[in-house]
Amino acid sequence: MRLKLTVEYDGTGFRGWAAQPGLRTVEGEMRRALGELYPGFAELAVAGRTDTGVHALANVVSVEVGEGPPAARAAAALNSALPPDVAIVASAGAADGFSARFDARARSYRYRIWRRRERSALEARRSLWHPHPVELDALNANAAQLLGAHDFRAFTPTETQHEMFVRTVSTARWVEVDEHVIAFEITADSFLRHMVRTLVGTMLARQDVGPLLTGRPRSEAGPTAPPHGLYLVDVLYLVDVAD
């Protein structure tokens, strides 16, 4: 049986998604819980390999399992074995061969900005404190240039394993969430490492992103915003893979 699991987590206490010896990671906790309930599970894949400190509202995992709780009960069963900062919010059966990573057609991220003059203890690990004036219209005019296919190598570290740097962005906008919070929301076919965070840092620095979308070097873009304001919020699949 192949499972599709929708996973939510607070990235504060993790060294990212990917399992690493001796470090606490989301994948490590997932593998431990799966091993308790589905001995011999295989082919674990994830839609987004988030970095240290990055959160997820709806990351997606696929995994092949044998004996164990049925798909409809997998979320409740796994949650009983997972720590409080990781939760399965939905579980379903998936088509044979479904891969959460390779079958994903788009991913959406949100970056939260806390803009009140006074910092917030409750938002300290949930958003970037930026107590400086921002012009939402100017930010949106800048973000509009991201739409379409562009070379984003200016927005990823120079030391990278990526070989292709062109990504296609379908939505990019800044929104006012409430009196104190604004957020940058972006959807693309896939993302380079640190791409969203560097876009945010560049736009908050009031730097024009347009000239950077032609394969300019990383040194020409702005700073990389810290990870704790970033959330993976959705993953799009062309077909409904759930039973």
Protein backbone atom coordinates (compact mmCIF):
# COMPACT_ATOMS: atom_id res chain seq x y z
CA MET A 1 0.00 0.00 0.00
CA ARG A 2 1.26 3.45 -0.87
CA LEU A 3 0.39 6.34 1.44
CA LYS A 4 0.12 10.05 0.77
CA LEU A 5 0.68 11.96 4.01
CA THR A 6 0.20 15.70 4.48
CA VAL A 7 2.64 16.89 7.15
CA GLU A 8 2.67 20.02 9.30
CA TYR A 9 5.64 20.98 11.45
CA ASP A 10 7.25 23.76 13.44
CA GLY A 11 10.77 23.91 12.06
CA THR A 12 12.27 25.65 15.08
CA GLY A 13 13.66 22.51 16.71
CA PHE A 14 14.84 20.77 13.53
CA ARG A 15 17.94 20.88 11.37
CA GLY A 16 15.74 20.85 8.31
CA TRP A 17 13.85 18.01 6.68
CA ALA A 18 16.62 15.69 5.49
CA ALA A 19 17.91 13.00 7.85
CA GLN A 20 21.44 13.67 9.13
CA PRO A 21 23.44 11.50 11.54
CA GLY A 22 23.33 12.81 15.09
CA LEU A 23 20.96 15.70 14.28
CA ARG A 24 17.25 16.09 14.91
CA THR A 25 15.40 16.37 11.58
CA VAL A 26 11.80 16.06 10.44
CA GLU A 27 12.65 13.10 8.22
CA GLY A 28 14.36 11.40 11.13
CA GLU A 29 11.24 11.71 13.28
CA MET A 30 9.05 10.53 10.40
CA ARG A 31 11.23 7.49 9.80
CA ARG A 32 11.19 6.60 13.49
CA ALA A 33 7.38 6.82 13.68
CA LEU A 34 6.87 4.93 10.43
CA GLY A 35 9.21 2.20 11.62
CA GLU A 36 7.12 1.68 14.75
CA LEU A 37 3.85 1.31 12.82
CA TYR A 38 4.94 -0.01 9.42
CA PRO A 39 8.07 -2.17 9.76
CA GLY A 40 9.87 -2.47 6.46
CA PHE A 41 8.44 0.68 4.89
CA ALA A 42 10.21 1.87 1.73
CA GLU A 43 10.42 4.58 -0.94
CA LEU A 44 9.95 7.55 1.38
CA ALA A 45 9.81 10.78 -0.65
CA VAL A 46 8.91 14.37 0.24
CA ALA A 47 7.66 17.26 -1.87
CA GLY A 48 9.82 19.92 -0.18
CA ARG A 49 13.18 19.36 1.54
CA THR A 50 12.91 22.36 3.83
CA ASP A 51 15.96 23.95 5.48
CA THR A 52 16.79 24.37 9.16
CA GLY A 53 14.14 26.46 10.92
CA VAL A 54 11.65 26.49 8.03
CA HIS A 55 8.06 25.52 8.84
CA ALA A 56 5.44 23.59 6.87
CA LEU A 57 1.66 23.76 6.87
CA ALA A 58 1.20 21.13 4.19
CA ASN A 59 4.33 19.34 3.06
CA VAL A 60 3.57 16.03 1.34
CA VAL A 61 5.20 12.64 1.90
CA SER A 62 4.74 9.43 -0.06
CA VAL A 63 5.77 6.05 1.33
CA GLU A 64 5.24 2.38 0.53
CA VAL A 65 4.07 0.37 3.55
CA GLY A 66 3.04 -3.20 4.30
CA GLU A 67 1.14 -4.38 7.32
CA GLY A 68 -0.10 -1.69 9.66
CA PRO A 69 -2.96 0.78 10.12
CA PRO A 70 -5.09 1.38 7.01
CA ALA A 71 -4.68 4.64 5.07
CA ALA A 72 -7.71 6.28 6.68
CA ARG A 73 -6.25 5.71 10.16
CA ALA A 74 -2.61 6.41 9.33
CA ALA A 75 -2.71 10.05 10.42
CA ALA A 76 -4.06 9.29 13.90
CA ALA A 77 -1.73 6.32 14.33
CA LEU A 78 1.39 8.20 13.26
CA ASN A 79 0.51 11.24 15.37
CA SER A 80 0.54 9.03 18.45
CA ALA A 81 4.19 8.22 17.68
CA LEU A 82 5.35 11.66 16.52
CA PRO A 83 6.61 14.50 18.77
CA PRO A 84 4.41 17.56 19.40
CA ASP A 85 6.12 19.71 16.75
CA VAL A 86 5.25 17.34 13.87
CA ALA A 87 1.73 16.30 12.88
CA ILE A 88 0.11 14.39 10.06
CA VAL A 89 -2.92 16.48 9.11
CA ALA A 90 -4.25 14.14 6.41
CA SER A 91 -3.59 10.62 5.17
CA ALA A 92 -4.88 8.74 2.14
CA GLY A 93 -4.08 5.87 -0.16
CA ALA A 94 -2.14 6.84 -3.27
CA ALA A 95 -1.79 5.40 -6.75
CA ASP A 96 0.95 2.84 -7.34
CA GLY A 97 4.19 4.61 -8.12
CA PHE A 98 3.06 7.98 -6.81
CA SER A 99 6.00 10.13 -5.68
CA ALA A 100 5.40 13.18 -3.51
CA ARG A 101 8.52 14.74 -5.02
CA PHE A 102 8.46 13.86 -8.70
CA ASP A 103 4.69 14.10 -9.25
CA ALA A 104 4.46 17.58 -7.71
CA ARG A 105 3.67 20.23 -10.31
CA ALA A 106 3.92 23.34 -8.13
CA ARG A 107 4.78 24.37 -4.61
CA SER A 108 3.63 27.42 -2.68
CA TYR A 109 5.52 29.27 0.05
CA ARG A 110 4.64 32.13 2.39
CA TYR A 111 7.08 34.41 4.20
CA ARG A 112 5.70 36.30 7.21
CA ILE A 113 6.87 39.76 8.27
CA TRP A 114 6.11 41.23 11.74
CA ARG A 115 6.20 44.99 11.17
CA ARG A 116 5.09 46.44 14.52
CA ARG A 117 7.65 48.80 16.03
CA GLU A 118 7.80 46.62 19.14
CA ARG A 119 9.01 43.07 18.73
CA SER A 120 6.71 40.19 19.65
CA ALA A 121 7.70 37.32 21.92
CA LEU A 122 5.03 35.12 20.36
CA GLU A 123 6.13 35.88 16.79
CA ALA A 124 9.86 35.62 17.46
CA ARG A 125 10.13 32.17 15.84
CA ARG A 126 7.21 32.59 13.44
CA SER A 127 8.02 35.71 11.44
CA LEU A 128 10.77 38.20 10.65
CA TRP A 129 10.66 41.33 12.80
CA HIS A 130 11.01 44.26 10.37
CA PRO A 131 10.05 47.48 12.21
CA HIS A 132 10.66 49.71 9.20
CA PRO A 133 8.20 51.44 6.85
CA VAL A 134 7.11 49.30 3.91
CA GLU A 135 5.08 50.28 0.87
CA LEU A 136 2.90 47.35 -0.13
CA ASP A 137 2.21 48.75 -3.59
CA ALA A 138 5.93 49.11 -4.29
CA LEU A 139 6.62 45.60 -3.02
CA ASN A 140 3.89 44.19 -5.26
CA ALA A 141 5.18 46.08 -8.30
CA ASN A 142 8.58 44.53 -7.65
CA ALA A 143 7.14 41.05 -7.10
CA ALA A 144 5.12 41.22 -10.34
CA GLN A 145 8.37 41.01 -12.29
CA LEU A 146 8.88 37.47 -10.99
CA LEU A 147 5.97 36.04 -12.97
CA GLY A 148 6.92 33.70 -15.79
CA ALA A 149 10.12 31.77 -16.50
CA HIS A 150 13.37 33.37 -15.33
CA ASP A 151 16.93 32.48 -14.38
CA PHE A 152 17.04 32.76 -10.57
CA ARG A 153 20.73 32.01 -9.96
CA ALA A 154 21.13 35.43 -8.27
CA PHE A 155 18.85 34.14 -5.51
CA THR A 156 20.61 30.92 -4.55
CA PRO A 157 24.03 30.35 -2.94
CA THR A 158 26.99 30.32 -5.31
CA GLU A 159 28.04 26.97 -3.86
CA THR A 160 25.13 24.90 -5.12
CA GLN A 161 24.25 21.47 -6.47
CA HIS A 162 21.70 22.95 -8.87
CA GLU A 163 22.53 22.67 -12.55
CA MET A 164 19.40 24.34 -13.94
CA PHE A 165 18.42 27.76 -12.60
CA VAL A 166 15.31 28.59 -14.60
CA ARG A 167 12.08 28.39 -12.61
CA THR A 168 8.53 29.30 -13.67
CA VAL A 169 6.60 31.45 -11.20
CA SER A 170 2.80 31.47 -11.50
CA THR A 171 1.93 33.76 -8.59
CA ALA A 172 3.96 36.27 -6.55
CA ARG A 173 2.38 38.88 -4.30
CA TRP A 174 2.61 40.69 -1.00
CA VAL A 175 -0.52 40.67 1.18
CA GLU A 176 -1.54 42.45 4.36
CA VAL A 177 -2.54 39.73 6.81
CA ASP A 178 -3.50 42.06 9.66
CA GLU A 179 -2.43 45.31 11.30
CA HIS A 180 1.01 43.98 12.20
CA VAL A 181 1.72 41.21 9.67
CA ILE A 182 2.39 41.23 5.95
CA ALA A 183 3.41 38.20 3.93
CA PHE A 184 5.05 37.36 0.64
CA GLU A 185 3.30 34.51 -1.18
CA ILE A 186 4.79 32.73 -4.18
CA THR A 187 3.97 29.66 -6.26
CA ALA A 188 6.37 28.09 -8.76
CA ASP A 189 7.05 24.77 -10.45
CA SER A 190 10.01 24.30 -8.10
CA PHE A 191 12.46 26.38 -6.10
CA LEU A 192 16.19 26.80 -5.73
CA ARG A 193 17.74 26.61 -2.28
CA HIS A 194 17.20 29.87 -0.34
CA MET A 195 15.34 31.32 -3.36
CA VAL A 196 12.28 32.60 -1.49
CA ARG A 197 14.29 33.94 1.43
CA THR A 198 16.68 35.81 -0.85
CA LEU A 199 13.82 37.26 -2.88
CA VAL A 200 12.29 38.52 0.38
CA GLY A 201 15.57 39.99 1.62
CA THR A 202 16.18 41.70 -1.72
CA MET A 203 12.71 43.22 -1.92
CA LEU A 204 12.74 44.40 1.70
CA ALA A 205 16.02 46.13 0.89
CA ARG A 206 14.08 48.00 -1.83
CA GLN A 207 16.24 46.53 -4.54
CA ASP A 208 14.74 46.02 -8.01
CA VAL A 209 14.60 42.28 -8.76
CA GLY A 210 13.96 42.73 -12.49
CA PRO A 211 17.59 43.16 -13.62
CA LEU A 212 18.61 40.14 -11.54
CA LEU A 213 16.36 37.67 -13.38
CA THR A 214 18.76 37.11 -16.26
CA GLY A 215 21.26 34.87 -14.51
CA ARG A 216 23.15 37.53 -12.57
CA PRO A 217 25.60 36.37 -9.85
CA ARG A 218 24.47 35.95 -6.24
CA SER A 219 26.61 38.90 -5.16
CA GLU A 220 24.32 41.34 -6.96
CA ALA A 221 21.15 40.38 -5.04
CA GLY A 222 20.23 41.42 -1.52
CA PRO A 223 20.52 39.59 1.81
CA THR A 224 18.91 36.25 2.56
CA ALA A 225 16.06 36.59 5.05
CA PRO A 226 16.25 34.24 8.06
CA PRO A 227 14.47 30.87 7.87
CA HIS A 228 11.98 31.25 10.72
CA GLY A 229 9.58 33.40 8.67
CA LEU A 230 9.22 30.85 5.86
CA TYR A 231 6.40 28.31 5.47
CA LEU A 232 5.72 25.65 2.84
CA VAL A 233 1.96 26.05 2.53
CA ASP A 234 0.79 23.89 -0.39
CA VAL A 235 1.85 21.35 -3.01
CA LEU A 236 -0.09 20.93 -6.25
CA TYR A 237 -0.59 17.63 -8.09
CA LEU A 238 -2.29 17.37 -11.47
CA VAL A 239 -4.38 14.36 -10.51
CA ASP A 240 -6.07 13.33 -7.29
CA VAL A 241 -3.88 10.48 -6.19
CA ALA A 242 -5.91 9.62 -3.11
CA ASP A 243 -8.32 6.72 -3.12
